[in-house]
Amino acid sequence: MECTALSRVVGIACAASAWMAAQAVDAATPRPDADAPFAIDLPQGCQIDKRPGPDFFVYYVACHGTTYAGVYVGNFADRSVPRSRLIKTGRQFPAEIQVWSVAVPNDQARADAIAASVKLRPNR
């Protein structure tokens, strides 16, 4: 798999993309609710948990009990979060989606691939 300019810019290893492409995604794995403004590819054994804030939501992706990635959905992302990228939505709410991978010893490629899979859903 060829490394793209975007993957180099956001610091996602090209190997992570290749690793994710080789993984089977389990159709029974919980996905973000239908109203979530993003789509995500979850490998088998991973699940997503939505936690509301006063004016935002944070989704956490855990695989076998270990947190691998997070997704902030709101209007005021914390740009100091390490290993994160920001998606501007062009919408009134949420104006921003911030995605980050967690440092996971011995499984960083999986964490990076999960975070890299987050994409903005088109307006419906």
PDB file of N, CA and C in Angstrom:
ATOM      1  N   MET A   1       0.850  -1.174   0.000  1.00  0.00           N
ATOM      2  CA  MET A   1       0.000   0.000   0.000  1.00  0.00           C
ATOM      3  C   MET A   1       0.891   1.231   0.000  1.00  0.00           C
ATOM      4  N   GLU A   2       0.567   2.208  -0.822  1.00  0.00           N
ATOM      5  CA  GLU A   2       1.365   3.416  -0.957  1.00  0.00           C
ATOM      6  C   GLU A   2       1.023   4.411   0.141  1.00  0.00           C
ATOM      7  N   CYS A   3       2.014   5.088   0.676  1.00  0.00           N
ATOM      8  CA  CYS A   3       1.815   6.097   1.700  1.00  0.00           C
ATOM      9  C   CYS A   3       1.291   7.369   1.038  1.00  0.00           C
ATOM     10  N   THR A   4       0.210   7.935   1.557  1.00  0.00           N
ATOM     11  CA  THR A   4      -0.344   9.159   0.980  1.00  0.00           C
ATOM     12  C   THR A   4       0.247  10.373   1.673  1.00  0.00           C
ATOM     13  N   ALA A   5       0.140  11.528   1.003  1.00  0.00           N
ATOM     14  CA  ALA A   5       0.629  12.769   1.585  1.00  0.00           C
ATOM     15  C   ALA A   5      -0.112  13.075   2.884  1.00  0.00           C
ATOM     16  N   LEU A   6      -1.426  12.836   2.924  1.00  0.00           N
ATOM     17  CA  LEU A   6      -2.199  13.107   4.125  1.00  0.00           C
ATOM     18  C   LEU A   6      -1.712  12.264   5.294  1.00  0.00           C
ATOM     19  N   SER A   7      -1.448  10.987   5.056  1.00  0.00           N
ATOM     20  CA  SER A   7      -0.999  10.145   6.161  1.00  0.00           C
ATOM     21  C   SER A   7       0.348  10.610   6.692  1.00  0.00           C
ATOM     22  N   ARG A   8       1.202  11.147   5.821  1.00  0.00           N
ATOM     23  CA  ARG A   8       2.479  11.684   6.298  1.00  0.00           C
ATOM     24  C   ARG A   8       2.256  12.954   7.102  1.00  0.00           C
ATOM     25  N   VAL A   9       1.337  13.807   6.669  1.00  0.00           N
ATOM     26  CA  VAL A   9       1.083  15.073   7.349  1.00  0.00           C
ATOM     27  C   VAL A   9       0.517  14.849   8.737  1.00  0.00           C
ATOM     28  N   VAL A  10      -0.435  13.956   8.885  1.00  0.00           N
ATOM     29  CA  VAL A  10      -1.047  13.739  10.196  1.00  0.00           C
ATOM     30  C   VAL A  10      -0.261  12.765  11.059  1.00  0.00           C
ATOM     31  N   GLY A  11       0.825  12.254  10.546  1.00  0.00           N
ATOM     32  CA  GLY A  11       1.704  11.417  11.343  1.00  0.00           C
ATOM     33  C   GLY A  11       1.227   9.987  11.513  1.00  0.00           C
ATOM     34  N   ILE A  12       0.339   9.557  10.666  1.00  0.00           N
ATOM     35  CA  ILE A  12      -0.125   8.175  10.745  1.00  0.00           C
ATOM     36  C   ILE A  12       0.809   7.325   9.890  1.00  0.00           C
ATOM     37  N   ALA A  13       1.324   6.299  10.481  1.00  0.00           N
ATOM     38  CA  ALA A  13       2.255   5.439   9.762  1.00  0.00           C
ATOM     39  C   ALA A  13       1.551   4.730   8.611  1.00  0.00           C
ATOM     40  N   CYS A  14       2.210   4.665   7.488  1.00  0.00           N
ATOM     41  CA  CYS A  14       1.643   3.977   6.331  1.00  0.00           C
ATOM     42  C   CYS A  14       1.411   2.504   6.655  1.00  0.00           C
ATOM     43  N   ALA A  15       2.242   1.961   7.496  1.00  0.00           N
ATOM     44  CA  ALA A  15       2.068   0.566   7.889  1.00  0.00           C
ATOM     45  C   ALA A  15       0.741   0.367   8.605  1.00  0.00           C
ATOM     46  N   ALA A  16       0.283   1.398   9.331  1.00  0.00           N
ATOM     47  CA  ALA A  16      -0.990   1.297  10.038  1.00  0.00           C
ATOM     48  C   ALA A  16      -2.138   1.145   9.047  1.00  0.00           C
ATOM     49  N   SER A  17      -2.091   1.888   7.952  1.00  0.00           N
ATOM     50  CA  SER A  17      -3.140   1.785   6.944  1.00  0.00           C
ATOM     51  C   SER A  17      -3.145   0.394   6.319  1.00  0.00           C
ATOM     52  N   ALA A  18      -1.987  -0.127   6.033  1.00  0.00           N
ATOM     53  CA  ALA A  18      -1.892  -1.463   5.459  1.00  0.00           C
ATOM     54  C   ALA A  18      -2.396  -2.502   6.453  1.00  0.00           C
ATOM     55  N   TRP A  19      -2.053  -2.313   7.721  1.00  0.00           N
ATOM     56  CA  TRP A  19      -2.505  -3.247   8.746  1.00  0.00           C
ATOM     57  C   TRP A  19      -4.022  -3.242   8.827  1.00  0.00           C
ATOM     58  N   MET A  20      -4.630  -2.039   8.842  1.00  0.00           N
ATOM     59  CA  MET A  20      -6.084  -1.937   8.961  1.00  0.00           C
ATOM     60  C   MET A  20      -6.768  -2.579   7.763  1.00  0.00           C
ATOM     61  N   ALA A  21      -6.221  -2.391   6.585  1.00  0.00           N
ATOM     62  CA  ALA A  21      -6.825  -2.959   5.382  1.00  0.00           C
ATOM     63  C   ALA A  21      -6.834  -4.481   5.444  1.00  0.00           C
ATOM     64  N   ALA A  22      -5.881  -5.047   6.161  1.00  0.00           N
ATOM     65  CA  ALA A  22      -5.778  -6.506   6.241  1.00  0.00           C
ATOM     66  C   ALA A  22      -6.690  -7.101   7.319  1.00  0.00           C
ATOM     67  N   GLN A  23      -7.292  -6.243   8.164  1.00  0.00           N
ATOM     68  CA  GLN A  23      -8.117  -6.732   9.259  1.00  0.00           C
ATOM     69  C   GLN A  23      -9.574  -6.886   8.825  1.00  0.00           C
ATOM     70  N   ALA A  24     -10.223  -7.889   9.339  1.00  0.00           N
ATOM     71  CA  ALA A  24     -11.653  -8.089   9.066  1.00  0.00           C
ATOM     72  C   ALA A  24     -12.446  -7.225  10.033  1.00  0.00           C
ATOM     73  N   VAL A  25     -13.471  -6.542   9.530  1.00  0.00           N
ATOM     74  CA  VAL A  25     -14.338  -5.733  10.369  1.00  0.00           C
ATOM     75  C   VAL A  25     -15.590  -6.543  10.668  1.00  0.00           C
ATOM     76  N   ASP A  26     -15.899  -6.693  11.922  1.00  0.00           N
ATOM     77  CA  ASP A  26     -17.039  -7.484  12.370  1.00  0.00           C
ATOM     78  C   ASP A  26     -18.325  -6.668  12.255  1.00  0.00           C
ATOM     79  N   ALA A  27     -19.281  -7.129  11.455  1.00  0.00           N
ATOM     80  CA  ALA A  27     -20.525  -6.399  11.229  1.00  0.00           C
ATOM     81  C   ALA A  27     -21.352  -6.272  12.500  1.00  0.00           C
ATOM     82  N   ALA A  28     -21.145  -7.136  13.472  1.00  0.00           N
ATOM     83  CA  ALA A  28     -21.913  -7.071  14.710  1.00  0.00           C
ATOM     84  C   ALA A  28     -21.312  -6.093  15.720  1.00  0.00           C
ATOM     85  N   THR A  29     -20.155  -5.534  15.432  1.00  0.00           N
ATOM     86  CA  THR A  29     -19.510  -4.602  16.347  1.00  0.00           C
ATOM     87  C   THR A  29     -20.318  -3.315  16.435  1.00  0.00           C
ATOM     88  N   PRO A  30     -20.565  -2.806  17.648  1.00  0.00           N
ATOM     89  CA  PRO A  30     -21.323  -1.562  17.774  1.00  0.00           C
ATOM     90  C   PRO A  30     -20.650  -0.423  17.009  1.00  0.00           C
ATOM     91  N   ARG A  31     -21.468   0.384  16.355  1.00  0.00           N
ATOM     92  CA  ARG A  31     -21.003   1.545  15.604  1.00  0.00           C
ATOM     93  C   ARG A  31     -21.523   2.806  16.287  1.00  0.00           C
ATOM     94  N   PRO A  32     -21.003   3.971  15.917  1.00  0.00           N
ATOM     95  CA  PRO A  32     -21.578   5.190  16.464  1.00  0.00           C
ATOM     96  C   PRO A  32     -23.059   5.257  16.097  1.00  0.00           C
ATOM     97  N   ASP A  33     -23.844   5.957  16.914  1.00  0.00           N
ATOM     98  CA  ASP A  33     -25.265   6.050  16.626  1.00  0.00           C
ATOM     99  C   ASP A  33     -25.490   6.657  15.242  1.00  0.00           C
ATOM    100  N   ALA A  34     -26.670   6.460  14.729  1.00  0.00           N
ATOM    101  CA  ALA A  34     -26.992   6.891  13.364  1.00  0.00           C
ATOM    102  C   ALA A  34     -26.855   8.400  13.188  1.00  0.00           C
ATOM    103  N   ASP A  35     -26.956   9.160  14.271  1.00  0.00           N
ATOM    104  CA  ASP A  35     -26.841  10.617  14.181  1.00  0.00           C
ATOM    105  C   ASP A  35     -25.397  11.114  14.292  1.00  0.00           C
ATOM    106  N   ALA A  36     -24.459  10.230  14.560  1.00  0.00           N
ATOM    107  CA  ALA A  36     -23.064  10.657  14.672  1.00  0.00           C
ATOM    108  C   ALA A  36     -22.603  11.228  13.335  1.00  0.00           C
ATOM    109  N   PRO A  37     -21.876  12.342  13.359  1.00  0.00           N
ATOM    110  CA  PRO A  37     -21.451  12.972  12.107  1.00  0.00           C
ATOM    111  C   PRO A  37     -20.219  12.327  11.477  1.00  0.00           C
ATOM    112  N   PHE A  38     -19.794  11.181  11.994  1.00  0.00           N
ATOM    113  CA  PHE A  38     -18.615  10.519  11.454  1.00  0.00           C
ATOM    114  C   PHE A  38     -18.870   9.029  11.280  1.00  0.00           C
ATOM    115  N   ALA A  39     -18.061   8.440  10.435  1.00  0.00           N
ATOM    116  CA  ALA A  39     -18.040   6.988  10.261  1.00  0.00           C
ATOM    117  C   ALA A  39     -16.670   6.512  10.732  1.00  0.00           C
ATOM    118  N   ILE A  40     -16.616   5.273  11.186  1.00  0.00           N
ATOM    119  CA  ILE A  40     -15.356   4.711  11.681  1.00  0.00           C
ATOM    120  C   ILE A  40     -15.333   3.223  11.367  1.00  0.00           C
ATOM    121  N   ASP A  41     -14.159   2.704  11.073  1.00  0.00           N
ATOM    122  CA  ASP A  41     -13.977   1.269  10.859  1.00  0.00           C
ATOM    123  C   ASP A  41     -13.473   0.659  12.162  1.00  0.00           C
ATOM    124  N   LEU A  42     -14.245  -0.268  12.705  1.00  0.00           N
ATOM    125  CA  LEU A  42     -13.855  -0.922  13.948  1.00  0.00           C
ATOM    126  C   LEU A  42     -13.456  -2.360  13.672  1.00  0.00           C
ATOM    127  N   PRO A  43     -12.230  -2.718  14.032  1.00  0.00           N
ATOM    128  CA  PRO A  43     -11.813  -4.114  13.870  1.00  0.00           C
ATOM    129  C   PRO A  43     -12.604  -5.026  14.800  1.00  0.00           C
ATOM    130  N   GLN A  44     -12.601  -6.296  14.478  1.00  0.00           N
ATOM    131  CA  GLN A  44     -13.259  -7.293  15.313  1.00  0.00           C
ATOM    132  C   GLN A  44     -12.717  -7.204  16.731  1.00  0.00           C
ATOM    133  N   GLY A  45     -13.611  -7.270  17.719  1.00  0.00           N
ATOM    134  CA  GLY A  45     -13.202  -7.212  19.107  1.00  0.00           C
ATOM    135  C   GLY A  45     -13.174  -5.813  19.690  1.00  0.00           C
ATOM    136  N   CYS A  46     -13.480  -4.813  18.876  1.00  0.00           N
ATOM    137  CA  CYS A  46     -13.480  -3.427  19.344  1.00  0.00           C
ATOM    138  C   CYS A  46     -14.907  -2.909  19.435  1.00  0.00           C
ATOM    139  N   GLN A  47     -15.128  -1.992  20.356  1.00  0.00           N
ATOM    140  CA  GLN A  47     -16.440  -1.382  20.501  1.00  0.00           C
ATOM    141  C   GLN A  47     -16.281   0.109  20.776  1.00  0.00           C
ATOM    142  N   ILE A  48     -17.378   0.844  20.595  1.00  0.00           N
ATOM    143  CA  ILE A  48     -17.347   2.286  20.780  1.00  0.00           C
ATOM    144  C   ILE A  48     -18.341   2.673  21.865  1.00  0.00           C
ATOM    145  N   ASP A  49     -17.925   3.617  22.705  1.00  0.00           N
ATOM    146  CA  ASP A  49     -18.742   4.083  23.818  1.00  0.00           C
ATOM    147  C   ASP A  49     -18.908   5.587  23.700  1.00  0.00           C
ATOM    148  N   LYS A  50     -20.140   6.072  23.715  1.00  0.00           N
ATOM    149  CA  LYS A  50     -20.449   7.502  23.587  1.00  0.00           C
ATOM    150  C   LYS A  50     -20.668   8.099  24.972  1.00  0.00           C
ATOM    151  N   ARG A  51     -19.960   9.210  25.235  1.00  0.00           N
ATOM    152  CA  ARG A  51     -20.116   9.900  26.516  1.00  0.00           C
ATOM    153  C   ARG A  51     -20.477  11.363  26.255  1.00  0.00           C
ATOM    154  N   PRO A  52     -21.629  11.802  26.759  1.00  0.00           N
ATOM    155  CA  PRO A  52     -22.042  13.190  26.527  1.00  0.00           C
ATOM    156  C   PRO A  52     -21.358  14.156  27.480  1.00  0.00           C
ATOM    157  N   GLY A  53     -21.107  15.362  26.986  1.00  0.00           N
ATOM    158  CA  GLY A  53     -20.653  16.479  27.796  1.00  0.00           C
ATOM    159  C   GLY A  53     -21.733  17.540  27.754  1.00  0.00           C
ATOM    160  N   PRO A  54     -21.497  18.697  28.350  1.00  0.00           N
ATOM    161  CA  PRO A  54     -22.533  19.730  28.362  1.00  0.00           C
ATOM    162  C   PRO A  54     -22.918  20.236  26.969  1.00  0.00           C
ATOM    163  N   ASP A  55     -21.954  20.317  26.061  1.00  0.00           N
ATOM    164  CA  ASP A  55     -22.242  20.785  24.697  1.00  0.00           C
ATOM    165  C   ASP A  55     -21.384  20.055  23.671  1.00  0.00           C
ATOM    166  N   PHE A  56     -21.067  18.805  23.954  1.00  0.00           N
ATOM    167  CA  PHE A  56     -20.233  17.996  23.069  1.00  0.00           C
ATOM    168  C   PHE A  56     -20.445  16.523  23.400  1.00  0.00           C
ATOM    169  N   PHE A  57     -19.854  15.666  22.586  1.00  0.00           N
ATOM    170  CA  PHE A  57     -19.830  14.226  22.834  1.00  0.00           C
ATOM    171  C   PHE A  57     -18.401  13.748  22.646  1.00  0.00           C
ATOM    172  N   VAL A  58     -18.001  12.748  23.401  1.00  0.00           N
ATOM    173  CA  VAL A  58     -16.721  12.080  23.200  1.00  0.00           C
ATOM    174  C   VAL A  58     -17.013  10.600  23.055  1.00  0.00           C
ATOM    175  N   TYR A  59     -16.481  10.025  21.996  1.00  0.00           N
ATOM    176  CA  TYR A  59     -16.603   8.593  21.750  1.00  0.00           C
ATOM    177  C   TYR A  59     -15.237   7.982  22.026  1.00  0.00           C
ATOM    178  N   TYR A  60     -15.231   6.854  22.736  1.00  0.00           N
ATOM    179  CA  TYR A  60     -13.988   6.134  23.002  1.00  0.00           C
ATOM    180  C   TYR A  60     -14.072   4.757  22.349  1.00  0.00           C
ATOM    181  N   VAL A  61     -13.002   4.372  21.684  1.00  0.00           N
ATOM    182  CA  VAL A  61     -12.919   3.063  21.057  1.00  0.00           C
ATOM    183  C   VAL A  61     -12.029   2.188  21.928  1.00  0.00           C
ATOM    184  N   ALA A  62     -12.579   1.051  22.347  1.00  0.00           N
ATOM    185  CA  ALA A  62     -11.821   0.102  23.165  1.00  0.00           C
ATOM    186  C   ALA A  62     -11.792  -1.247  22.462  1.00  0.00           C
ATOM    187  N   CYS A  63     -10.649  -1.889  22.542  1.00  0.00           N
ATOM    188  CA  CYS A  63     -10.476  -3.228  21.985  1.00  0.00           C
ATOM    189  C   CYS A  63     -10.042  -4.133  23.135  1.00  0.00           C
ATOM    190  N   HIS A  64     -10.856  -5.129  23.407  1.00  0.00           N
ATOM    191  CA  HIS A  64     -10.565  -6.086  24.479  1.00  0.00           C
ATOM    192  C   HIS A  64     -10.258  -5.370  25.796  1.00  0.00           C
ATOM    193  N   GLY A  65     -11.026  -4.308  26.088  1.00  0.00           N
ATOM    194  CA  GLY A  65     -10.900  -3.602  27.357  1.00  0.00           C
ATOM    195  C   GLY A  65      -9.857  -2.506  27.419  1.00  0.00           C
ATOM    196  N   THR A  66      -9.092  -2.289  26.346  1.00  0.00           N
ATOM    197  CA  THR A  66      -8.066  -1.248  26.312  1.00  0.00           C
ATOM    198  C   THR A  66      -8.502  -0.142  25.364  1.00  0.00           C
ATOM    199  N   THR A  67      -8.428   1.113  25.811  1.00  0.00           N
ATOM    200  CA  THR A  67      -8.795   2.242  24.957  1.00  0.00           C
ATOM    201  C   THR A  67      -7.712   2.454  23.901  1.00  0.00           C
ATOM    202  N   TYR A  68      -8.157   2.570  22.642  1.00  0.00           N
ATOM    203  CA  TYR A  68      -7.251   2.740  21.500  1.00  0.00           C
ATOM    204  C   TYR A  68      -7.359   4.104  20.844  1.00  0.00           C
ATOM    205  N   ALA A  69      -8.549   4.711  20.877  1.00  0.00           N
ATOM    206  CA  ALA A  69      -8.748   5.980  20.174  1.00  0.00           C
ATOM    207  C   ALA A  69      -9.914   6.738  20.787  1.00  0.00           C
ATOM    208  N   GLY A  70      -9.963   8.032  20.484  1.00  0.00           N
ATOM    209  CA  GLY A  70     -11.064   8.871  20.928  1.00  0.00           C
ATOM    210  C   GLY A  70     -11.516   9.775  19.803  1.00  0.00           C
ATOM    211  N   VAL A  71     -12.786  10.187  19.868  1.00  0.00           N
ATOM    212  CA  VAL A  71     -13.357  11.090  18.875  1.00  0.00           C
ATOM    213  C   VAL A  71     -14.180  12.133  19.623  1.00  0.00           C
ATOM    214  N   TYR A  72     -13.775  13.395  19.523  1.00  0.00           N
ATOM    215  CA  TYR A  72     -14.520  14.510  20.110  1.00  0.00           C
ATOM    216  C   TYR A  72     -15.428  15.090  19.037  1.00  0.00           C
ATOM    217  N   VAL A  73     -16.684  15.357  19.395  1.00  0.00           N
ATOM    218  CA  VAL A  73     -17.652  15.939  18.480  1.00  0.00           C
ATOM    219  C   VAL A  73     -18.234  17.169  19.171  1.00  0.00           C
ATOM    220  N   GLY A  74     -17.911  18.343  18.667  1.00  0.00           N
ATOM    221  CA  GLY A  74     -18.395  19.575  19.289  1.00  0.00           C
ATOM    222  C   GLY A  74     -17.882  20.788  18.537  1.00  0.00           C
ATOM    223  N   ASN A  75     -17.793  21.909  19.242  1.00  0.00           N
ATOM    224  CA  ASN A  75     -17.366  23.150  18.595  1.00  0.00           C
ATOM    225  C   ASN A  75     -16.051  23.706  19.125  1.00  0.00           C
ATOM    226  N   PHE A  76     -15.479  23.097  20.167  1.00  0.00           N
ATOM    227  CA  PHE A  76     -14.272  23.657  20.765  1.00  0.00           C
ATOM    228  C   PHE A  76     -13.269  22.556  21.097  1.00  0.00           C
ATOM    229  N   ALA A  77     -12.674  21.978  20.089  1.00  0.00           N
ATOM    230  CA  ALA A  77     -11.701  20.898  20.278  1.00  0.00           C
ATOM    231  C   ALA A  77     -10.470  21.408  21.026  1.00  0.00           C
ATOM    232  N   ASP A  78      -9.836  20.518  21.744  1.00  0.00           N
ATOM    233  CA  ASP A  78      -8.606  20.822  22.474  1.00  0.00           C
ATOM    234  C   ASP A  78      -7.412  20.494  21.573  1.00  0.00           C
ATOM    235  N   ARG A  79      -6.855  21.508  20.983  1.00  0.00           N
ATOM    236  CA  ARG A  79      -5.771  21.310  20.020  1.00  0.00           C
ATOM    237  C   ARG A  79      -4.464  20.834  20.652  1.00  0.00           C
ATOM    238  N   SER A  80      -4.426  20.760  21.979  1.00  0.00           N
ATOM    239  CA  SER A  80      -3.201  20.294  22.643  1.00  0.00           C
ATOM    240  C   SER A  80      -3.165  18.777  22.812  1.00  0.00           C
ATOM    241  N   VAL A  81      -4.235  18.088  22.421  1.00  0.00           N
ATOM    242  CA  VAL A  81      -4.268  16.629  22.570  1.00  0.00           C
ATOM    243  C   VAL A  81      -3.206  16.010  21.657  1.00  0.00           C
ATOM    244  N   PRO A  82      -2.286  15.226  22.218  1.00  0.00           N
ATOM    245  CA  PRO A  82      -1.251  14.617  21.376  1.00  0.00           C
ATOM    246  C   PRO A  82      -1.836  13.561  20.439  1.00  0.00           C
ATOM    247  N   ARG A  83      -1.170  13.331  19.337  1.00  0.00           N
ATOM    248  CA  ARG A  83      -1.540  12.299  18.364  1.00  0.00           C
ATOM    249  C   ARG A  83      -2.944  12.515  17.812  1.00  0.00           C
ATOM    250  N   SER A  84      -3.330  13.778  17.616  1.00  0.00           N
ATOM    251  CA  SER A  84      -4.691  14.047  17.155  1.00  0.00           C
ATOM    252  C   SER A  84      -4.696  14.787  15.828  1.00  0.00           C
ATOM    253  N   ARG A  85      -5.865  14.736  15.169  1.00  0.00           N
ATOM    254  CA  ARG A  85      -6.088  15.524  13.963  1.00  0.00           C
ATOM    255  C   ARG A  85      -7.479  16.122  14.067  1.00  0.00           C
ATOM    256  N   LEU A  86      -7.669  17.242  13.401  1.00  0.00           N
ATOM    257  CA  LEU A  86      -8.911  17.984  13.475  1.00  0.00           C
ATOM    258  C   LEU A  86      -9.603  17.954  12.124  1.00  0.00           C
ATOM    259  N   ILE A  87     -10.899  17.660  12.144  1.00  0.00           N
ATOM    260  CA  ILE A  87     -11.712  17.679  10.934  1.00  0.00           C
ATOM    261  C   ILE A  87     -12.703  18.822  11.094  1.00  0.00           C
ATOM    262  N   LYS A  88     -12.631  19.821  10.226  1.00  0.00           N
ATOM    263  CA  LYS A  88     -13.603  20.914  10.210  1.00  0.00           C
ATOM    264  C   LYS A  88     -14.805  20.423   9.413  1.00  0.00           C
ATOM    265  N   THR A  89     -16.001  20.556   9.977  1.00  0.00           N
ATOM    266  CA  THR A  89     -17.182  19.991   9.338  1.00  0.00           C
ATOM    267  C   THR A  89     -17.899  20.959   8.400  1.00  0.00           C
ATOM    268  N   GLY A  90     -17.722  22.262   8.597  1.00  0.00           N
ATOM    269  CA  GLY A  90     -18.468  23.237   7.813  1.00  0.00           C
ATOM    270  C   GLY A  90     -19.913  23.353   8.275  1.00  0.00           C
ATOM    271  N   ARG A  91     -20.213  22.815   9.427  1.00  0.00           N
ATOM    272  CA  ARG A  91     -21.571  22.827   9.980  1.00  0.00           C
ATOM    273  C   ARG A  91     -21.618  23.741  11.202  1.00  0.00           C
ATOM    274  N   GLN A  92     -22.824  24.110  11.597  1.00  0.00           N
ATOM    275  CA  GLN A  92     -22.970  24.907  12.805  1.00  0.00           C
ATOM    276  C   GLN A  92     -22.658  24.050  14.039  1.00  0.00           C
ATOM    277  N   PHE A  93     -23.208  22.837  14.073  1.00  0.00           N
ATOM    278  CA  PHE A  93     -22.853  21.880  15.120  1.00  0.00           C
ATOM    279  C   PHE A  93     -22.877  20.488  14.534  1.00  0.00           C
ATOM    280  N   PRO A  94     -21.878  19.733  14.755  1.00  0.00           N
ATOM    281  CA  PRO A  94     -20.609  20.126  15.340  1.00  0.00           C
ATOM    282  C   PRO A  94     -19.734  20.806  14.287  1.00  0.00           C
ATOM    283  N   ALA A  95     -19.023  21.801  14.713  1.00  0.00           N
ATOM    284  CA  ALA A  95     -18.107  22.494  13.804  1.00  0.00           C
ATOM    285  C   ALA A  95     -16.795  21.723  13.657  1.00  0.00           C
ATOM    286  N   GLU A  96     -16.479  20.897  14.659  1.00  0.00           N
ATOM    287  CA  GLU A  96     -15.204  20.176  14.659  1.00  0.00           C
ATOM    288  C   GLU A  96     -15.373  18.740  15.134  1.00  0.00           C
ATOM    289  N   ILE A  97     -14.583  17.887  14.540  1.00  0.00           N
ATOM    290  CA  ILE A  97     -14.422  16.516  15.008  1.00  0.00           C
ATOM    291  C   ILE A  97     -12.927  16.340  15.218  1.00  0.00           C
ATOM    292  N   GLN A  98     -12.546  16.002  16.420  1.00  0.00           N
ATOM    293  CA  GLN A  98     -11.135  15.774  16.721  1.00  0.00           C
ATOM    294  C   GLN A  98     -10.942  14.293  16.995  1.00  0.00           C
ATOM    295  N   VAL A  99      -9.944  13.714  16.370  1.00  0.00           N
ATOM    296  CA  VAL A  99      -9.682  12.280  16.480  1.00  0.00           C
ATOM    297  C   VAL A  99      -8.264  12.084  16.986  1.00  0.00           C
ATOM    298  N   TRP A 100      -8.084  11.153  17.902  1.00  0.00           N
ATOM    299  CA  TRP A 100      -6.740  10.857  18.388  1.00  0.00           C
ATOM    300  C   TRP A 100      -6.587   9.371  18.650  1.00  0.00           C
ATOM    301  N   SER A 101      -5.351   8.938  18.545  1.00  0.00           N
ATOM    302  CA  SER A 101      -5.033   7.570  18.940  1.00  0.00           C
ATOM    303  C   SER A 101      -4.318   7.636  20.279  1.00  0.00           C
ATOM    304  N   VAL A 102      -4.525   6.620  21.060  1.00  0.00           N
ATOM    305  CA  VAL A 102      -3.903   6.508  22.372  1.00  0.00           C
ATOM    306  C   VAL A 102      -2.597   5.732  22.202  1.00  0.00           C
ATOM    307  N   ALA A 103      -1.613   6.029  23.017  1.00  0.00           N
ATOM    308  CA  ALA A 103      -0.375   5.256  22.987  1.00  0.00           C
ATOM    309  C   ALA A 103      -0.673   3.859  23.539  1.00  0.00           C
ATOM    310  N   VAL A 104      -0.527   2.859  22.675  1.00  0.00           N
ATOM    311  CA  VAL A 104      -0.808   1.476  23.056  1.00  0.00           C
ATOM    312  C   VAL A 104       0.452   0.648  22.802  1.00  0.00           C
ATOM    313  N   PRO A 105       1.192   0.324  23.850  1.00  0.00           N
ATOM    314  CA  PRO A 105       2.406  -0.469  23.652  1.00  0.00           C
ATOM    315  C   PRO A 105       2.095  -1.794  22.942  1.00  0.00           C
ATOM    316  N   ASN A 106       2.908  -2.138  21.992  1.00  0.00           N
ATOM    317  CA  ASN A 106       2.818  -3.387  21.230  1.00  0.00           C
ATOM    318  C   ASN A 106       1.616  -3.474  20.289  1.00  0.00           C
ATOM    319  N   ASP A 107       0.818  -2.401  20.159  1.00  0.00           N
ATOM    320  CA  ASP A 107      -0.317  -2.429  19.240  1.00  0.00           C
ATOM    321  C   ASP A 107      -0.623  -1.033  18.699  1.00  0.00           C
ATOM    322  N   GLN A 108       0.414  -0.220  18.544  1.00  0.00           N
ATOM    323  CA  GLN A 108       0.225   1.165  18.111  1.00  0.00           C
ATOM    324  C   GLN A 108      -0.333   1.261  16.701  1.00  0.00           C
ATOM    325  N   ALA A 109       0.057   0.351  15.827  1.00  0.00           N
ATOM    326  CA  ALA A 109      -0.448   0.389  14.448  1.00  0.00           C
ATOM    327  C   ALA A 109      -1.966   0.263  14.427  1.00  0.00           C
ATOM    328  N   ARG A 110      -2.495  -0.580  15.282  1.00  0.00           N
ATOM    329  CA  ARG A 110      -3.952  -0.741  15.345  1.00  0.00           C
ATOM    330  C   ARG A 110      -4.619   0.542  15.845  1.00  0.00           C
ATOM    331  N   ALA A 111      -4.085   1.152  16.889  1.00  0.00           N
ATOM    332  CA  ALA A 111      -4.645   2.399  17.424  1.00  0.00           C
ATOM    333  C   ALA A 111      -4.607   3.500  16.364  1.00  0.00           C
ATOM    334  N   ASP A 112      -3.479   3.637  15.677  1.00  0.00           N
ATOM    335  CA  ASP A 112      -3.346   4.654  14.630  1.00  0.00           C
ATOM    336  C   ASP A 112      -4.299   4.392  13.468  1.00  0.00           C
ATOM    337  N   ALA A 113      -4.470   3.131  13.105  1.00  0.00           N
ATOM    338  CA  ALA A 113      -5.359   2.779  11.993  1.00  0.00           C
ATOM    339  C   ALA A 113      -6.817   3.070  12.329  1.00  0.00           C
ATOM    340  N   ILE A 114      -7.216   2.795  13.548  1.00  0.00           N
ATOM    341  CA  ILE A 114      -8.591   3.089  13.959  1.00  0.00           C
ATOM    342  C   ILE A 114      -8.837   4.586  13.878  1.00  0.00           C
ATOM    343  N   ALA A 115      -7.923   5.371  14.429  1.00  0.00           N
ATOM    344  CA  ALA A 115      -8.077   6.831  14.379  1.00  0.00           C
ATOM    345  C   ALA A 115      -8.076   7.342  12.937  1.00  0.00           C
ATOM    346  N   ALA A 116      -7.228   6.773  12.107  1.00  0.00           N
ATOM    347  CA  ALA A 116      -7.139   7.212  10.707  1.00  0.00           C
ATOM    348  C   ALA A 116      -8.398   6.877   9.923  1.00  0.00           C
ATOM    349  N   SER A 117      -9.172   5.888  10.385  1.00  0.00           N
ATOM    350  CA  SER A 117     -10.368   5.469   9.644  1.00  0.00           C
ATOM    351  C   SER A 117     -11.549   6.419   9.829  1.00  0.00           C
ATOM    352  N   VAL A 118     -11.476   7.339  10.784  1.00  0.00           N
ATOM    353  CA  VAL A 118     -12.602   8.253  11.033  1.00  0.00           C
ATOM    354  C   VAL A 118     -12.734   9.227   9.869  1.00  0.00           C
ATOM    355  N   LYS A 119     -13.959   9.274   9.334  1.00  0.00           N
ATOM    356  CA  LYS A 119     -14.269  10.149   8.198  1.00  0.00           C
ATOM    357  C   LYS A 119     -15.556  10.897   8.488  1.00  0.00           C
ATOM    358  N   LEU A 120     -15.649  12.103   7.987  1.00  0.00           N
ATOM    359  CA  LEU A 120     -16.857  12.909   8.102  1.00  0.00           C
ATOM    360  C   LEU A 120     -17.963  12.319   7.261  1.00  0.00           C
ATOM    361  N   ARG A 121     -19.124  12.137   7.849  1.00  0.00           N
ATOM    362  CA  ARG A 121     -20.286  11.697   7.083  1.00  0.00           C
ATOM    363  C   ARG A 121     -20.879  12.901   6.364  1.00  0.00           C
ATOM    364  N   PRO A 122     -21.372  12.706   5.156  1.00  0.00           N
ATOM    365  CA  PRO A 122     -22.008  13.836   4.460  1.00  0.00           C
ATOM    366  C   PRO A 122     -23.302  14.238   5.164  1.00  0.00           C
ATOM    367  N   ASN A 123     -23.695  15.495   4.997  1.00  0.00           N
ATOM    368  CA  ASN A 123     -24.982  15.957   5.553  1.00  0.00           C
ATOM    369  C   ASN A 123     -26.107  15.130   4.972  1.00  0.00           C
ATOM    370  N   ARG A 124     -27.071  14.845   5.801  1.00  0.00           N
ATOM    371  CA  ARG A 124     -28.226  14.093   5.313  1.00  0.00           C
ATOM    372  C   ARG A 124     -29.430  14.968   5.296  1.00  0.00           C
TER     373      ARG A 124
END
